[in-house]
């Protein structure tokens, strides 16, 4: 990825390059990444659909827990644990701040601490358990909706929340106009609603609530939202969607397309 600014933004290709490990034969600059913000949920649909297809296929061969592990593991592989890394780093920074230490050096430390490890174990454990608790069709729809909505919410945070003074997150946030984040949030919500019915807007409320809490903490502790914090917001968004879908399923209201 180029640190410079390219002359012609390539939003979707930049989004694929930035958010996944799928090779893209183009040099991507900061302006391209800023243009990709509106495409975050579309990339999420691609990741979620791949994960969903693996869950459907694996469910025909193995029990739901194994299929869910493979499906969630596939999404992690596609993204190169991009968002999980952000969650782990943010959790370590939160742990440092809660004990009176400066969180910024901890956030930049590539080594994972206890808070980060626990956060990742809980994160992956909750996602796998939620998917496994659903029927193959409902689980597949939940994966698509979760990946789209979570990235739409994180894109909305990019253009609406104060960004940290340093890091890649601040550089592309400064170049991204507000409408790109609004479009991403709307697209992510529409995809989730199409897949999950009432679970879509309910998940949006839950994901926004978590994003606000994390954003307010980041503003106080870090001076703004960084790229790692955006990764944490995305992961919490996925968890919010999956928990809402499972709760609705337990109450007898599975996704409308799951029947």
C-alpha atoms as a PDB file:
ATOM      1  CA  UNK A   1       0.000   0.000   0.000  1.00  0.00           C
ATOM      2  CA  UNK A   2       1.285   3.406  -0.969  1.00  0.00           C
ATOM      3  CA  UNK A   3       1.445   6.125   1.649  1.00  0.00           C
ATOM      4  CA  UNK A   4       0.811   8.707  -1.032  1.00  0.00           C
ATOM      5  CA  UNK A   5      -2.411   9.913  -2.578  1.00  0.00           C
ATOM      6  CA  UNK A   6      -3.353   8.506  -5.958  1.00  0.00           C
ATOM      7  CA  UNK A   7      -4.929  10.544  -8.692  1.00  0.00           C
ATOM      8  CA  UNK A   8      -8.004   8.340  -9.255  1.00  0.00           C
ATOM      9  CA  UNK A   9      -9.784   6.682  -6.346  1.00  0.00           C
ATOM     10  CA  UNK A  10     -10.737   3.030  -6.830  1.00  0.00           C
ATOM     11  CA  UNK A  11     -13.162   2.486  -4.013  1.00  0.00           C
ATOM     12  CA  UNK A  12     -14.195  -1.142  -4.298  1.00  0.00           C
ATOM     13  CA  UNK A  13     -10.769  -2.481  -5.256  1.00  0.00           C
ATOM     14  CA  UNK A  14      -9.212  -0.420  -2.483  1.00  0.00           C
ATOM     15  CA  UNK A  15     -11.767  -1.795  -0.030  1.00  0.00           C
ATOM     16  CA  UNK A  16     -10.940  -5.369  -1.002  1.00  0.00           C
ATOM     17  CA  UNK A  17      -7.217  -4.672  -0.685  1.00  0.00           C
ATOM     18  CA  UNK A  18      -7.570  -2.824   2.622  1.00  0.00           C
ATOM     19  CA  UNK A  19     -10.031  -5.085   4.422  1.00  0.00           C
ATOM     20  CA  UNK A  20      -8.992  -8.500   3.107  1.00  0.00           C
ATOM     21  CA  UNK A  21      -5.933 -10.457   2.045  1.00  0.00           C
ATOM     22  CA  UNK A  22      -7.297 -11.003  -1.455  1.00  0.00           C
ATOM     23  CA  UNK A  23      -4.561  -9.834  -3.851  1.00  0.00           C
ATOM     24  CA  UNK A  24      -5.441  -6.721  -5.848  1.00  0.00           C
ATOM     25  CA  UNK A  25      -3.159  -5.807  -8.736  1.00  0.00           C
ATOM     26  CA  UNK A  26      -3.035  -2.074  -8.095  1.00  0.00           C
ATOM     27  CA  UNK A  27      -1.128   0.310  -5.877  1.00  0.00           C
ATOM     28  CA  UNK A  28      -3.526   1.669  -3.263  1.00  0.00           C
ATOM     29  CA  UNK A  29      -3.028   5.086  -1.714  1.00  0.00           C
ATOM     30  CA  UNK A  30      -4.708   6.927   1.142  1.00  0.00           C
ATOM     31  CA  UNK A  31      -7.245   8.624  -1.136  1.00  0.00           C
ATOM     32  CA  UNK A  32      -8.256   5.214  -2.470  1.00  0.00           C
ATOM     33  CA  UNK A  33      -8.775   3.955   1.067  1.00  0.00           C
ATOM     34  CA  UNK A  34     -10.901   7.020   1.841  1.00  0.00           C
ATOM     35  CA  UNK A  35     -12.978   6.253  -1.262  1.00  0.00           C
ATOM     36  CA  UNK A  36     -13.365   2.648  -0.107  1.00  0.00           C
ATOM     37  CA  UNK A  37     -15.231   3.652   3.077  1.00  0.00           C
ATOM     38  CA  UNK A  38     -18.573   3.593   1.234  1.00  0.00           C
ATOM     39  CA  UNK A  39     -17.742   0.073   0.038  1.00  0.00           C
ATOM     40  CA  UNK A  40     -17.006  -1.401   3.475  1.00  0.00           C
ATOM     41  CA  UNK A  41     -20.358  -3.248   3.780  1.00  0.00           C
ATOM     42  CA  UNK A  42     -20.104  -4.527   0.197  1.00  0.00           C
ATOM     43  CA  UNK A  43     -16.749  -6.091   1.021  1.00  0.00           C
ATOM     44  CA  UNK A  44     -18.425  -7.419   4.161  1.00  0.00           C
ATOM     45  CA  UNK A  45     -21.087  -9.100   2.027  1.00  0.00           C
ATOM     46  CA  UNK A  46     -18.338 -10.858   0.101  1.00  0.00           C
ATOM     47  CA  UNK A  47     -16.590 -12.050   3.261  1.00  0.00           C
ATOM     48  CA  UNK A  48     -19.888 -13.034   4.882  1.00  0.00           C
ATOM     49  CA  UNK A  49     -21.125 -14.885   1.812  1.00  0.00           C
ATOM     50  CA  UNK A  50     -17.932 -16.924   1.627  1.00  0.00           C
ATOM     51  CA  UNK A  51     -18.168 -17.736   5.322  1.00  0.00           C
ATOM     52  CA  UNK A  52     -21.858 -18.599   4.922  1.00  0.00           C
ATOM     53  CA  UNK A  53     -21.173 -20.927   1.983  1.00  0.00           C
ATOM     54  CA  UNK A  54     -18.575 -22.768   4.040  1.00  0.00           C
ATOM     55  CA  UNK A  55     -21.021 -23.078   6.928  1.00  0.00           C
ATOM     56  CA  UNK A  56     -23.715 -24.516   4.658  1.00  0.00           C
ATOM     57  CA  UNK A  57     -21.325 -26.974   3.023  1.00  0.00           C
ATOM     58  CA  UNK A  58     -19.613 -28.021   6.256  1.00  0.00           C
ATOM     59  CA  UNK A  59     -22.977 -28.534   7.989  1.00  0.00           C
ATOM     60  CA  UNK A  60     -23.683 -31.383   5.568  1.00  0.00           C
ATOM     61  CA  UNK A  61     -20.563 -33.231   6.742  1.00  0.00           C
ATOM     62  CA  UNK A  62     -20.037 -32.330  10.392  1.00  0.00           C
ATOM     63  CA  UNK A  63     -21.984 -31.173  13.471  1.00  0.00           C
ATOM     64  CA  UNK A  64     -22.841 -27.484  13.778  1.00  0.00           C
ATOM     65  CA  UNK A  65     -19.967 -26.566  16.154  1.00  0.00           C
ATOM     66  CA  UNK A  66     -17.359 -27.854  13.709  1.00  0.00           C
ATOM     67  CA  UNK A  67     -19.078 -26.156  10.776  1.00  0.00           C
ATOM     68  CA  UNK A  68     -19.242 -22.898  12.722  1.00  0.00           C
ATOM     69  CA  UNK A  69     -15.548 -23.041  13.573  1.00  0.00           C
ATOM     70  CA  UNK A  70     -14.687 -23.562   9.917  1.00  0.00           C
ATOM     71  CA  UNK A  71     -16.981 -20.725   8.815  1.00  0.00           C
ATOM     72  CA  UNK A  72     -15.668 -18.197  11.329  1.00  0.00           C
ATOM     73  CA  UNK A  73     -12.114 -19.372  10.710  1.00  0.00           C
ATOM     74  CA  UNK A  74     -12.575 -18.800   6.990  1.00  0.00           C
ATOM     75  CA  UNK A  75     -13.615 -15.180   7.534  1.00  0.00           C
ATOM     76  CA  UNK A  76     -10.571 -14.650   9.731  1.00  0.00           C
ATOM     77  CA  UNK A  77      -8.338 -16.141   7.062  1.00  0.00           C
ATOM     78  CA  UNK A  78      -9.855 -13.973   4.311  1.00  0.00           C
ATOM     79  CA  UNK A  79      -9.301 -10.778   6.303  1.00  0.00           C
ATOM     80  CA  UNK A  80      -5.952 -11.828   7.731  1.00  0.00           C
ATOM     81  CA  UNK A  81      -7.383 -11.317  11.247  1.00  0.00           C
ATOM     82  CA  UNK A  82      -7.375  -7.603  10.416  1.00  0.00           C
ATOM     83  CA  UNK A  83     -10.273  -6.691  12.700  1.00  0.00           C
ATOM     84  CA  UNK A  84      -9.370  -9.256  15.362  1.00  0.00           C
ATOM     85  CA  UNK A  85      -5.932  -7.682  15.651  1.00  0.00           C
ATOM     86  CA  UNK A  86      -7.563  -4.311  16.245  1.00  0.00           C
ATOM     87  CA  UNK A  87      -9.814  -5.770  18.925  1.00  0.00           C
ATOM     88  CA  UNK A  88      -6.876  -7.380  20.721  1.00  0.00           C
ATOM     89  CA  UNK A  89      -4.799  -4.195  20.664  1.00  0.00           C
ATOM     90  CA  UNK A  90      -7.740  -2.094  21.823  1.00  0.00           C
ATOM     91  CA  UNK A  91      -8.475  -4.502  24.674  1.00  0.00           C
ATOM     92  CA  UNK A  92      -4.856  -4.277  25.820  1.00  0.00           C
ATOM     93  CA  UNK A  93      -5.042  -0.471  25.680  1.00  0.00           C
ATOM     94  CA  UNK A  94      -8.260  -0.570  27.686  1.00  0.00           C
ATOM     95  CA  UNK A  95      -6.583  -2.802  30.249  1.00  0.00           C
ATOM     96  CA  UNK A  96      -3.663  -0.403  30.551  1.00  0.00           C
ATOM     97  CA  UNK A  97      -5.951   2.606  30.980  1.00  0.00           C
ATOM     98  CA  UNK A  98      -8.029   0.812  33.614  1.00  0.00           C
ATOM     99  CA  UNK A  99      -4.905   0.290  35.719  1.00  0.00           C
ATOM    100  CA  UNK A 100      -3.690   3.876  35.389  1.00  0.00           C
ATOM    101  CA  UNK A 101      -1.056   3.284  32.680  1.00  0.00           C
ATOM    102  CA  UNK A 102      -0.670   5.189  29.433  1.00  0.00           C
ATOM    103  CA  UNK A 103      -2.676   3.210  26.839  1.00  0.00           C
ATOM    104  CA  UNK A 104      -1.002   4.630  23.719  1.00  0.00           C
ATOM    105  CA  UNK A 105       2.318   2.714  23.987  1.00  0.00           C
ATOM    106  CA  UNK A 106       0.339  -0.454  24.687  1.00  0.00           C
ATOM    107  CA  UNK A 107      -1.831   0.154  21.611  1.00  0.00           C
ATOM    108  CA  UNK A 108       1.267   0.420  19.426  1.00  0.00           C
ATOM    109  CA  UNK A 109       3.003  -2.616  20.941  1.00  0.00           C
ATOM    110  CA  UNK A 110       2.770  -5.529  18.456  1.00  0.00           C
ATOM    111  CA  UNK A 111       2.851  -8.044  21.299  1.00  0.00           C
ATOM    112  CA  UNK A 112      -0.483  -9.283  22.633  1.00  0.00           C
ATOM    113  CA  UNK A 113      -1.197  -8.907  26.336  1.00  0.00           C
ATOM    114  CA  UNK A 114      -3.574 -10.713  28.664  1.00  0.00           C
ATOM    115  CA  UNK A 115      -6.513  -8.407  27.977  1.00  0.00           C
ATOM    116  CA  UNK A 116      -6.083  -8.856  24.237  1.00  0.00           C
ATOM    117  CA  UNK A 117      -5.892 -12.641  24.451  1.00  0.00           C
ATOM    118  CA  UNK A 118      -9.004 -12.846  26.634  1.00  0.00           C
ATOM    119  CA  UNK A 119     -10.886 -10.473  24.323  1.00  0.00           C
ATOM    120  CA  UNK A 120     -10.060 -12.585  21.264  1.00  0.00           C
ATOM    121  CA  UNK A 121     -11.002 -15.849  22.998  1.00  0.00           C
ATOM    122  CA  UNK A 122     -14.356 -14.401  24.040  1.00  0.00           C
ATOM    123  CA  UNK A 123     -14.898 -12.770  20.644  1.00  0.00           C
ATOM    124  CA  UNK A 124     -14.273 -15.880  18.574  1.00  0.00           C
ATOM    125  CA  UNK A 125     -16.008 -18.101  21.115  1.00  0.00           C
ATOM    126  CA  UNK A 126     -19.194 -16.033  21.073  1.00  0.00           C
ATOM    127  CA  UNK A 127     -19.263 -15.839  17.273  1.00  0.00           C
ATOM    128  CA  UNK A 128     -18.739 -19.587  16.834  1.00  0.00           C
ATOM    129  CA  UNK A 129     -21.296 -20.461  19.524  1.00  0.00           C
ATOM    130  CA  UNK A 130     -23.921 -18.126  18.052  1.00  0.00           C
ATOM    131  CA  UNK A 131     -23.521 -19.482  14.532  1.00  0.00           C
ATOM    132  CA  UNK A 132     -23.614 -23.067  15.790  1.00  0.00           C
ATOM    133  CA  UNK A 133     -26.847 -22.323  17.659  1.00  0.00           C
ATOM    134  CA  UNK A 134     -28.627 -21.523  14.389  1.00  0.00           C
ATOM    135  CA  UNK A 135     -29.816 -23.770  11.596  1.00  0.00           C
ATOM    136  CA  UNK A 136     -27.484 -23.853   8.589  1.00  0.00           C
ATOM    137  CA  UNK A 137     -29.678 -21.477   6.571  1.00  0.00           C
ATOM    138  CA  UNK A 138     -30.266 -19.070   9.468  1.00  0.00           C
ATOM    139  CA  UNK A 139     -26.576 -19.181  10.381  1.00  0.00           C
ATOM    140  CA  UNK A 140     -25.592 -18.400   6.803  1.00  0.00           C
ATOM    141  CA  UNK A 141     -27.934 -15.396   6.688  1.00  0.00           C
ATOM    142  CA  UNK A 142     -26.650 -14.204  10.057  1.00  0.00           C
ATOM    143  CA  UNK A 143     -23.054 -14.336   8.852  1.00  0.00           C
ATOM    144  CA  UNK A 144     -23.817 -12.244   5.780  1.00  0.00           C
ATOM    145  CA  UNK A 145     -25.822  -9.712   7.777  1.00  0.00           C
ATOM    146  CA  UNK A 146     -23.221  -9.514  10.535  1.00  0.00           C
ATOM    147  CA  UNK A 147     -20.285  -8.860   8.235  1.00  0.00           C
ATOM    148  CA  UNK A 148     -22.184  -6.233   6.229  1.00  0.00           C
ATOM    149  CA  UNK A 149     -23.727  -4.355   9.149  1.00  0.00           C
ATOM    150  CA  UNK A 150     -20.603  -4.354  11.314  1.00  0.00           C
ATOM    151  CA  UNK A 151     -18.520  -2.826   8.527  1.00  0.00           C
ATOM    152  CA  UNK A 152     -21.259  -0.312   7.762  1.00  0.00           C
ATOM    153  CA  UNK A 153     -21.273   0.850  11.381  1.00  0.00           C
ATOM    154  CA  UNK A 154     -17.468   1.082  11.507  1.00  0.00           C
ATOM    155  CA  UNK A 155     -17.560   3.168   8.304  1.00  0.00           C
ATOM    156  CA  UNK A 156     -20.074   5.478   9.952  1.00  0.00           C
ATOM    157  CA  UNK A 157     -17.698   5.898  12.890  1.00  0.00           C
ATOM    158  CA  UNK A 158     -14.862   6.801  10.493  1.00  0.00           C
ATOM    159  CA  UNK A 159     -16.676   9.931   9.300  1.00  0.00           C
ATOM    160  CA  UNK A 160     -18.502  10.903  12.490  1.00  0.00           C
ATOM    161  CA  UNK A 161     -16.099  10.348  15.390  1.00  0.00           C
ATOM    162  CA  UNK A 162     -12.925  12.261  16.243  1.00  0.00           C
ATOM    163  CA  UNK A 163      -9.890  10.391  14.948  1.00  0.00           C
ATOM    164  CA  UNK A 164      -6.599   9.871  16.744  1.00  0.00           C
ATOM    165  CA  UNK A 165      -3.860  12.262  15.685  1.00  0.00           C
ATOM    166  CA  UNK A 166      -1.585   9.578  14.280  1.00  0.00           C
ATOM    167  CA  UNK A 167      -1.897   6.338  12.355  1.00  0.00           C
ATOM    168  CA  UNK A 168      -3.465   5.184   9.127  1.00  0.00           C
ATOM    169  CA  UNK A 169      -6.956   5.542  10.554  1.00  0.00           C
ATOM    170  CA  UNK A 170      -6.536   9.291  10.984  1.00  0.00           C
ATOM    171  CA  UNK A 171      -5.062   9.775   7.527  1.00  0.00           C
ATOM    172  CA  UNK A 172      -7.909   8.189   5.565  1.00  0.00           C
ATOM    173  CA  UNK A 173     -10.582   9.497   7.941  1.00  0.00           C
ATOM    174  CA  UNK A 174      -9.481  13.032   7.126  1.00  0.00           C
ATOM    175  CA  UNK A 175      -9.960  12.347   3.408  1.00  0.00           C
ATOM    176  CA  UNK A 176     -13.329  10.570   3.634  1.00  0.00           C
ATOM    177  CA  UNK A 177     -16.393  12.836   3.254  1.00  0.00           C
ATOM    178  CA  UNK A 178     -19.273  12.232   5.632  1.00  0.00           C
ATOM    179  CA  UNK A 179     -21.616  10.940   2.928  1.00  0.00           C
ATOM    180  CA  UNK A 180     -19.431   7.891   2.314  1.00  0.00           C
ATOM    181  CA  UNK A 181     -19.924   6.728   5.882  1.00  0.00           C
ATOM    182  CA  UNK A 182     -23.658   7.425   5.717  1.00  0.00           C
ATOM    183  CA  UNK A 183     -23.967   5.383   2.513  1.00  0.00           C
ATOM    184  CA  UNK A 184     -22.029   2.525   4.093  1.00  0.00           C
ATOM    185  CA  UNK A 185     -24.214   2.504   7.203  1.00  0.00           C
ATOM    186  CA  UNK A 186     -27.394   2.535   5.105  1.00  0.00           C
ATOM    187  CA  UNK A 187     -26.173  -0.245   2.805  1.00  0.00           C
ATOM    188  CA  UNK A 188     -25.063  -2.387   5.751  1.00  0.00           C
ATOM    189  CA  UNK A 189     -28.442  -1.922   7.436  1.00  0.00           C
ATOM    190  CA  UNK A 190     -30.350  -2.757   4.248  1.00  0.00           C
ATOM    191  CA  UNK A 191     -28.356  -5.953   3.725  1.00  0.00           C
ATOM    192  CA  UNK A 192     -28.868  -6.995   7.353  1.00  0.00           C
ATOM    193  CA  UNK A 193     -32.592  -6.252   7.169  1.00  0.00           C
ATOM    194  CA  UNK A 194     -32.946  -8.215   3.933  1.00  0.00           C
ATOM    195  CA  UNK A 195     -31.174 -11.187   5.516  1.00  0.00           C
ATOM    196  CA  UNK A 196     -32.544 -10.960   9.033  1.00  0.00           C
ATOM    197  CA  UNK A 197     -35.852  -9.073   8.929  1.00  0.00           C
ATOM    198  CA  UNK A 198     -36.520  -7.221  12.191  1.00  0.00           C
ATOM    199  CA  UNK A 199     -33.155  -8.513  13.386  1.00  0.00           C
ATOM    200  CA  UNK A 200     -31.485  -6.016  11.052  1.00  0.00           C
ATOM    201  CA  UNK A 201     -32.662  -2.762  12.680  1.00  0.00           C
ATOM    202  CA  UNK A 202     -32.463  -4.297  16.155  1.00  0.00           C
ATOM    203  CA  UNK A 203     -28.857  -5.296  15.460  1.00  0.00           C
ATOM    204  CA  UNK A 204     -28.143  -1.782  14.184  1.00  0.00           C
ATOM    205  CA  UNK A 205     -29.314  -0.303  17.479  1.00  0.00           C
ATOM    206  CA  UNK A 206     -27.138  -2.722  19.457  1.00  0.00           C
ATOM    207  CA  UNK A 207     -24.094  -2.198  17.237  1.00  0.00           C
ATOM    208  CA  UNK A 208     -24.416   1.599  17.373  1.00  0.00           C
ATOM    209  CA  UNK A 209     -24.752   1.479  21.159  1.00  0.00           C
ATOM    210  CA  UNK A 210     -21.526  -0.510  21.479  1.00  0.00           C
ATOM    211  CA  UNK A 211     -19.782   1.751  18.950  1.00  0.00           C
ATOM    212  CA  UNK A 212     -20.743   4.842  20.954  1.00  0.00           C
ATOM    213  CA  UNK A 213     -19.362   3.340  24.163  1.00  0.00           C
ATOM    214  CA  UNK A 214     -16.053   2.394  22.528  1.00  0.00           C
ATOM    215  CA  UNK A 215     -15.792   5.748  20.727  1.00  0.00           C
ATOM    216  CA  UNK A 216     -16.328   7.721  23.925  1.00  0.00           C
ATOM    217  CA  UNK A 217     -13.693   5.672  25.730  1.00  0.00           C
ATOM    218  CA  UNK A 218     -11.240   6.145  22.842  1.00  0.00           C
ATOM    219  CA  UNK A 219     -11.846   9.900  22.817  1.00  0.00           C
ATOM    220  CA  UNK A 220     -10.988  10.113  26.514  1.00  0.00           C
ATOM    221  CA  UNK A 221      -8.115   7.638  26.643  1.00  0.00           C
ATOM    222  CA  UNK A 222      -6.544   8.002  23.202  1.00  0.00           C
ATOM    223  CA  UNK A 223      -7.686  11.377  21.984  1.00  0.00           C
ATOM    224  CA  UNK A 224      -9.803   9.830  19.226  1.00  0.00           C
ATOM    225  CA  UNK A 225     -10.594   6.714  17.244  1.00  0.00           C
ATOM    226  CA  UNK A 226      -7.662   4.834  15.706  1.00  0.00           C
ATOM    227  CA  UNK A 227      -7.584   2.048  13.153  1.00  0.00           C
ATOM    228  CA  UNK A 228      -7.336  -0.519  15.951  1.00  0.00           C
ATOM    229  CA  UNK A 229     -10.408   0.939  17.640  1.00  0.00           C
ATOM    230  CA  UNK A 230     -12.302   0.699  14.348  1.00  0.00           C
ATOM    231  CA  UNK A 231     -11.354  -2.983  14.220  1.00  0.00           C
ATOM    232  CA  UNK A 232     -12.748  -3.457  17.719  1.00  0.00           C
ATOM    233  CA  UNK A 233     -15.968  -1.685  16.740  1.00  0.00           C
ATOM    234  CA  UNK A 234     -16.336  -3.961  13.720  1.00  0.00           C
ATOM    235  CA  UNK A 235     -15.885  -7.090  15.834  1.00  0.00           C
ATOM    236  CA  UNK A 236     -18.349  -5.894  18.456  1.00  0.00           C
ATOM    237  CA  UNK A 237     -20.779  -5.160  15.642  1.00  0.00           C
ATOM    238  CA  UNK A 238     -20.564  -8.745  14.399  1.00  0.00           C
ATOM    239  CA  UNK A 239     -21.150 -10.030  17.917  1.00  0.00           C
ATOM    240  CA  UNK A 240     -24.145  -7.712  18.350  1.00  0.00           C
ATOM    241  CA  UNK A 241     -25.785  -9.001  15.174  1.00  0.00           C
ATOM    242  CA  UNK A 242     -25.229 -12.655  16.013  1.00  0.00           C
ATOM    243  CA  UNK A 243     -26.485 -12.271  19.593  1.00  0.00           C
ATOM    244  CA  UNK A 244     -29.636 -10.496  18.397  1.00  0.00           C
ATOM    245  CA  UNK A 245     -30.337 -13.172  15.778  1.00  0.00           C
ATOM    246  CA  UNK A 246     -29.879 -15.990  18.289  1.00  0.00           C
ATOM    247  CA  UNK A 247     -32.093 -14.211  20.838  1.00  0.00           C
ATOM    248  CA  UNK A 248     -34.836 -13.783  18.243  1.00  0.00           C
ATOM    249  CA  UNK A 249     -34.467 -17.418  17.198  1.00  0.00           C
ATOM    250  CA  UNK A 250     -34.859 -18.588  20.791  1.00  0.00           C
ATOM    251  CA  UNK A 251     -38.043 -16.516  20.981  1.00  0.00           C
ATOM    252  CA  UNK A 252     -39.340 -18.232  17.858  1.00  0.00           C
ATOM    253  CA  UNK A 253     -38.508 -15.482  15.355  1.00  0.00           C
ATOM    254  CA  UNK A 254     -35.754 -16.798  13.065  1.00  0.00           C
ATOM    255  CA  UNK A 255     -34.701 -14.776   9.980  1.00  0.00           C
ATOM    256  CA  UNK A 256     -37.617 -14.673   7.509  1.00  0.00           C
ATOM    257  CA  UNK A 257     -35.524 -16.176   4.705  1.00  0.00           C
ATOM    258  CA  UNK A 258     -34.395 -19.073   6.905  1.00  0.00           C
ATOM    259  CA  UNK A 259     -37.570 -21.042   6.466  1.00  0.00           C
END
